[in-house]
Amino acid sequence: MYLQCRLVSVKIMEGRIQKWGNSLAIRIPRAFARQAGLAENCQVDISLDKDCLIIRPCGPATFDLAGMLSGITEQNRHGEVAPDASVGGEAW
């Protein structure tokens, strides 16, 4: 009988934080981005857990009318707004 052992390794790669405008930036290796489901211009959630920076891709935005309407309260609801007189080429 032969037993096989598999080591599960965590890929570690060193990077360098660089200044980008008033912010800091780090390059993400292609293999890491592919495995994490990241692509150019995709939206991400960035959070901190103790001293760890966590970057996760956002799922597709879903909008639910009932959910959006449930956020309307008397405190954040405004009244009607009447248009002012025409100032340009408006039809009214």
N, C-alpha and C. Protein backbone atom coordinates (compact mmCIF):
# COMPACT_ATOMS: atom_id res chain seq x y z
N MET A 1 0.85 -1.17 0.00
CA MET A 1 0.00 0.00 0.00
C MET A 1 0.90 1.24 0.00
N TYR A 2 0.59 2.17 -0.88
CA TYR A 2 1.36 3.41 -0.97
C TYR A 2 0.48 4.57 -0.54
N LEU A 3 1.01 5.43 0.28
CA LEU A 3 0.30 6.65 0.69
C LEU A 3 0.94 7.84 -0.02
N GLN A 4 0.11 8.69 -0.53
CA GLN A 4 0.62 9.88 -1.18
C GLN A 4 0.34 11.09 -0.29
N CYS A 5 1.33 11.90 -0.12
CA CYS A 5 1.18 13.13 0.65
C CYS A 5 1.20 14.29 -0.31
N ARG A 6 0.27 15.22 -0.14
CA ARG A 6 0.24 16.43 -0.96
C ARG A 6 0.40 17.61 -0.04
N LEU A 7 1.34 18.42 -0.33
CA LEU A 7 1.51 19.65 0.42
C LEU A 7 0.70 20.75 -0.25
N VAL A 8 -0.09 21.42 0.53
CA VAL A 8 -0.84 22.56 0.01
C VAL A 8 0.00 23.78 0.30
N SER A 9 0.49 24.39 -0.74
CA SER A 9 1.37 25.54 -0.53
C SER A 9 0.62 26.83 -0.82
N VAL A 10 1.00 27.84 -0.11
CA VAL A 10 0.45 29.17 -0.32
C VAL A 10 1.46 29.93 -1.16
N LYS A 11 1.00 30.45 -2.27
CA LYS A 11 1.89 31.20 -3.13
C LYS A 11 2.19 32.54 -2.48
N ILE A 12 3.45 32.84 -2.35
CA ILE A 12 3.87 34.11 -1.77
C ILE A 12 4.78 34.79 -2.78
N MET A 13 4.53 36.04 -3.01
CA MET A 13 5.36 36.81 -3.93
C MET A 13 5.57 38.18 -3.30
N GLU A 14 6.77 38.64 -3.35
CA GLU A 14 7.06 39.96 -2.83
C GLU A 14 6.72 41.01 -3.87
N GLY A 15 6.24 42.13 -3.41
CA GLY A 15 5.93 43.24 -4.29
C GLY A 15 6.46 44.53 -3.70
N ARG A 16 6.19 45.61 -4.35
CA ARG A 16 6.64 46.92 -3.87
C ARG A 16 5.49 47.90 -3.97
N ILE A 17 5.23 48.61 -2.88
CA ILE A 17 4.23 49.65 -2.87
C ILE A 17 4.85 50.89 -3.51
N GLN A 18 4.12 51.49 -4.45
CA GLN A 18 4.61 52.69 -5.12
C GLN A 18 3.58 53.80 -5.05
N LYS A 19 4.06 55.03 -5.12
CA LYS A 19 3.18 56.18 -5.09
C LYS A 19 2.51 56.34 -6.44
N TRP A 20 1.20 56.62 -6.41
CA TRP A 20 0.42 56.85 -7.62
C TRP A 20 -0.47 58.05 -7.33
N GLY A 21 -0.08 59.23 -7.74
CA GLY A 21 -0.80 60.45 -7.39
C GLY A 21 -0.69 60.66 -5.89
N ASN A 22 -1.82 60.86 -5.23
CA ASN A 22 -1.84 61.02 -3.77
C ASN A 22 -2.07 59.69 -3.06
N SER A 23 -2.12 58.59 -3.80
CA SER A 23 -2.41 57.28 -3.24
C SER A 23 -1.20 56.37 -3.36
N LEU A 24 -1.37 55.15 -2.88
CA LEU A 24 -0.36 54.11 -3.03
C LEU A 24 -0.93 53.02 -3.92
N ALA A 25 -0.06 52.33 -4.63
CA ALA A 25 -0.50 51.28 -5.55
C ALA A 25 0.43 50.09 -5.47
N ILE A 26 -0.11 48.93 -5.82
CA ILE A 26 0.69 47.71 -5.90
C ILE A 26 0.24 46.96 -7.16
N ARG A 27 1.18 46.36 -7.85
CA ARG A 27 0.83 45.56 -9.02
C ARG A 27 0.46 44.16 -8.58
N ILE A 28 -0.57 43.63 -9.18
CA ILE A 28 -1.03 42.28 -8.87
C ILE A 28 -0.58 41.37 -10.01
N PRO A 29 0.20 40.34 -9.72
CA PRO A 29 0.64 39.42 -10.78
C PRO A 29 -0.54 38.80 -11.52
N ARG A 30 -0.38 38.57 -12.80
CA ARG A 30 -1.46 38.05 -13.64
C ARG A 30 -2.04 36.75 -13.10
N ALA A 31 -1.19 35.84 -12.66
CA ALA A 31 -1.69 34.55 -12.15
C ALA A 31 -2.57 34.75 -10.93
N PHE A 32 -2.18 35.66 -10.04
CA PHE A 32 -2.98 35.94 -8.85
C PHE A 32 -4.31 36.57 -9.25
N ALA A 33 -4.26 37.54 -10.18
CA ALA A 33 -5.48 38.21 -10.62
C ALA A 33 -6.44 37.23 -11.26
N ARG A 34 -5.93 36.35 -12.09
CA ARG A 34 -6.78 35.36 -12.76
C ARG A 34 -7.43 34.44 -11.75
N GLN A 35 -6.65 33.96 -10.77
CA GLN A 35 -7.18 33.04 -9.78
C GLN A 35 -8.22 33.73 -8.88
N ALA A 36 -8.04 35.02 -8.62
CA ALA A 36 -8.97 35.76 -7.76
C ALA A 36 -10.17 36.29 -8.54
N GLY A 37 -10.18 36.14 -9.86
CA GLY A 37 -11.29 36.62 -10.66
C GLY A 37 -11.24 38.13 -10.89
N LEU A 38 -10.03 38.69 -10.92
CA LEU A 38 -9.87 40.13 -11.14
C LEU A 38 -9.50 40.39 -12.59
N ALA A 39 -10.00 41.48 -13.13
CA ALA A 39 -9.66 41.90 -14.49
C ALA A 39 -9.54 43.42 -14.50
N GLU A 40 -8.98 43.93 -15.56
CA GLU A 40 -8.81 45.38 -15.67
C GLU A 40 -10.15 46.09 -15.54
N ASN A 41 -10.19 47.13 -14.74
CA ASN A 41 -11.37 47.98 -14.51
C ASN A 41 -12.50 47.30 -13.76
N CYS A 42 -12.30 46.12 -13.18
CA CYS A 42 -13.38 45.50 -12.41
C CYS A 42 -13.47 46.19 -11.04
N GLN A 43 -14.67 46.25 -10.51
CA GLN A 43 -14.91 46.85 -9.20
C GLN A 43 -14.48 45.87 -8.13
N VAL A 44 -13.85 46.38 -7.07
CA VAL A 44 -13.41 45.52 -5.96
C VAL A 44 -13.85 46.12 -4.63
N ASP A 45 -14.03 45.26 -3.65
CA ASP A 45 -14.23 45.66 -2.26
C ASP A 45 -12.88 45.58 -1.59
N ILE A 46 -12.49 46.64 -0.88
CA ILE A 46 -11.23 46.67 -0.16
C ILE A 46 -11.54 46.83 1.31
N SER A 47 -11.00 45.94 2.14
CA SER A 47 -11.25 45.99 3.57
C SER A 47 -9.98 45.63 4.34
N LEU A 48 -10.02 45.89 5.62
CA LEU A 48 -8.90 45.55 6.51
C LEU A 48 -9.40 44.56 7.55
N ASP A 49 -8.60 43.55 7.84
CA ASP A 49 -8.85 42.61 8.92
C ASP A 49 -7.58 42.57 9.75
N LYS A 50 -7.60 43.28 10.86
CA LYS A 50 -6.41 43.47 11.70
C LYS A 50 -5.34 44.15 10.85
N ASP A 51 -4.26 43.46 10.51
CA ASP A 51 -3.21 44.09 9.71
C ASP A 51 -3.17 43.53 8.29
N CYS A 52 -4.25 42.87 7.85
CA CYS A 52 -4.30 42.29 6.50
C CYS A 52 -5.22 43.11 5.60
N LEU A 53 -4.74 43.44 4.43
CA LEU A 53 -5.52 44.13 3.42
C LEU A 53 -6.22 43.07 2.58
N ILE A 54 -7.53 43.16 2.44
CA ILE A 54 -8.30 42.16 1.70
C ILE A 54 -8.96 42.83 0.50
N ILE A 55 -8.71 42.28 -0.68
CA ILE A 55 -9.29 42.80 -1.92
C ILE A 55 -10.10 41.69 -2.55
N ARG A 56 -11.40 41.96 -2.75
CA ARG A 56 -12.31 40.96 -3.33
C ARG A 56 -13.05 41.59 -4.51
N PRO A 57 -13.25 40.82 -5.58
CA PRO A 57 -14.04 41.37 -6.69
C PRO A 57 -15.49 41.52 -6.26
N CYS A 58 -16.11 42.61 -6.70
CA CYS A 58 -17.54 42.82 -6.43
C CYS A 58 -18.34 41.95 -7.39
N GLY A 59 -19.44 41.46 -6.91
CA GLY A 59 -20.34 40.74 -7.79
C GLY A 59 -21.07 41.74 -8.67
N PRO A 60 -21.79 41.26 -9.65
CA PRO A 60 -22.54 42.18 -10.50
C PRO A 60 -23.58 42.92 -9.66
N ALA A 61 -23.75 44.19 -9.98
CA ALA A 61 -24.73 45.00 -9.24
C ALA A 61 -26.13 44.50 -9.55
N THR A 62 -26.89 44.28 -8.52
CA THR A 62 -28.29 43.87 -8.70
C THR A 62 -29.17 44.90 -8.03
N PHE A 63 -30.21 45.28 -8.71
CA PHE A 63 -31.12 46.27 -8.18
C PHE A 63 -32.49 45.64 -8.03
N ASP A 64 -33.07 45.87 -6.88
CA ASP A 64 -34.39 45.35 -6.56
C ASP A 64 -35.26 46.53 -6.19
N LEU A 65 -36.33 46.78 -6.94
CA LEU A 65 -37.18 47.95 -6.71
C LEU A 65 -37.72 47.98 -5.29
N ALA A 66 -38.18 46.85 -4.79
CA ALA A 66 -38.73 46.81 -3.42
C ALA A 66 -37.64 47.17 -2.40
N GLY A 67 -36.42 46.68 -2.62
CA GLY A 67 -35.33 46.98 -1.71
C GLY A 67 -34.96 48.46 -1.74
N MET A 68 -34.94 49.05 -2.95
CA MET A 68 -34.61 50.47 -3.05
C MET A 68 -35.71 51.33 -2.42
N LEU A 69 -36.98 50.98 -2.66
CA LEU A 69 -38.08 51.75 -2.08
C LEU A 69 -38.13 51.64 -0.56
N SER A 70 -37.65 50.52 -0.02
CA SER A 70 -37.67 50.37 1.44
C SER A 70 -36.71 51.35 2.12
N GLY A 71 -35.77 51.91 1.37
CA GLY A 71 -34.83 52.88 1.93
C GLY A 71 -35.39 54.29 2.02
N ILE A 72 -36.57 54.52 1.45
CA ILE A 72 -37.17 55.86 1.48
C ILE A 72 -37.91 56.03 2.80
N THR A 73 -37.56 57.10 3.50
CA THR A 73 -38.24 57.42 4.77
C THR A 73 -38.71 58.86 4.72
N GLU A 74 -39.49 59.26 5.69
CA GLU A 74 -39.94 60.65 5.77
C GLU A 74 -38.75 61.60 5.95
N GLN A 75 -37.68 61.13 6.58
CA GLN A 75 -36.51 61.97 6.82
C GLN A 75 -35.70 62.23 5.56
N ASN A 76 -35.66 61.28 4.64
CA ASN A 76 -34.83 61.49 3.44
C ASN A 76 -35.66 61.76 2.19
N ARG A 77 -36.95 61.93 2.35
CA ARG A 77 -37.84 62.19 1.21
C ARG A 77 -38.00 63.70 1.04
N HIS A 78 -37.89 64.15 -0.19
CA HIS A 78 -38.06 65.58 -0.45
C HIS A 78 -39.40 65.81 -1.15
N GLY A 79 -39.81 67.05 -1.14
CA GLY A 79 -41.07 67.42 -1.80
C GLY A 79 -40.90 67.58 -3.29
N GLU A 80 -41.98 68.01 -3.92
CA GLU A 80 -41.94 68.23 -5.37
C GLU A 80 -41.08 69.44 -5.68
N VAL A 81 -40.47 69.42 -6.85
CA VAL A 81 -39.65 70.53 -7.30
C VAL A 81 -40.26 71.05 -8.60
N ALA A 82 -40.64 72.34 -8.60
CA ALA A 82 -41.22 72.94 -9.80
C ALA A 82 -40.09 73.51 -10.66
N PRO A 83 -40.18 73.33 -11.96
CA PRO A 83 -39.12 73.89 -12.81
C PRO A 83 -39.20 75.42 -12.82
N ASP A 84 -38.05 76.03 -12.96
CA ASP A 84 -37.99 77.48 -13.07
C ASP A 84 -38.38 77.90 -14.49
N ALA A 85 -38.36 79.18 -14.70
CA ALA A 85 -38.68 79.68 -16.05
C ALA A 85 -37.61 79.21 -17.03
N SER A 86 -37.98 79.17 -18.30
CA SER A 86 -37.04 78.74 -19.33
C SER A 86 -35.83 79.65 -19.39
N VAL A 87 -34.66 79.07 -19.57
CA VAL A 87 -33.45 79.88 -19.67
C VAL A 87 -32.72 79.61 -20.99
N GLY A 88 -33.17 78.66 -21.74
CA GLY A 88 -32.51 78.31 -22.99
C GLY A 88 -33.54 77.95 -24.03
N GLY A 89 -33.32 76.85 -24.71
CA GLY A 89 -34.23 76.44 -25.78
C GLY A 89 -35.22 75.38 -25.32
N GLU A 90 -35.61 75.41 -24.04
CA GLU A 90 -36.55 74.40 -23.55
C GLU A 90 -37.90 74.56 -24.23
N ALA A 91 -38.63 73.46 -24.36
CA ALA A 91 -39.92 73.47 -25.04
C ALA A 91 -41.05 73.96 -24.14
N TRP A 92 -40.88 73.92 -22.84
CA TRP A 92 -42.01 74.31 -21.99
C TRP A 92 -41.98 75.74 -21.76
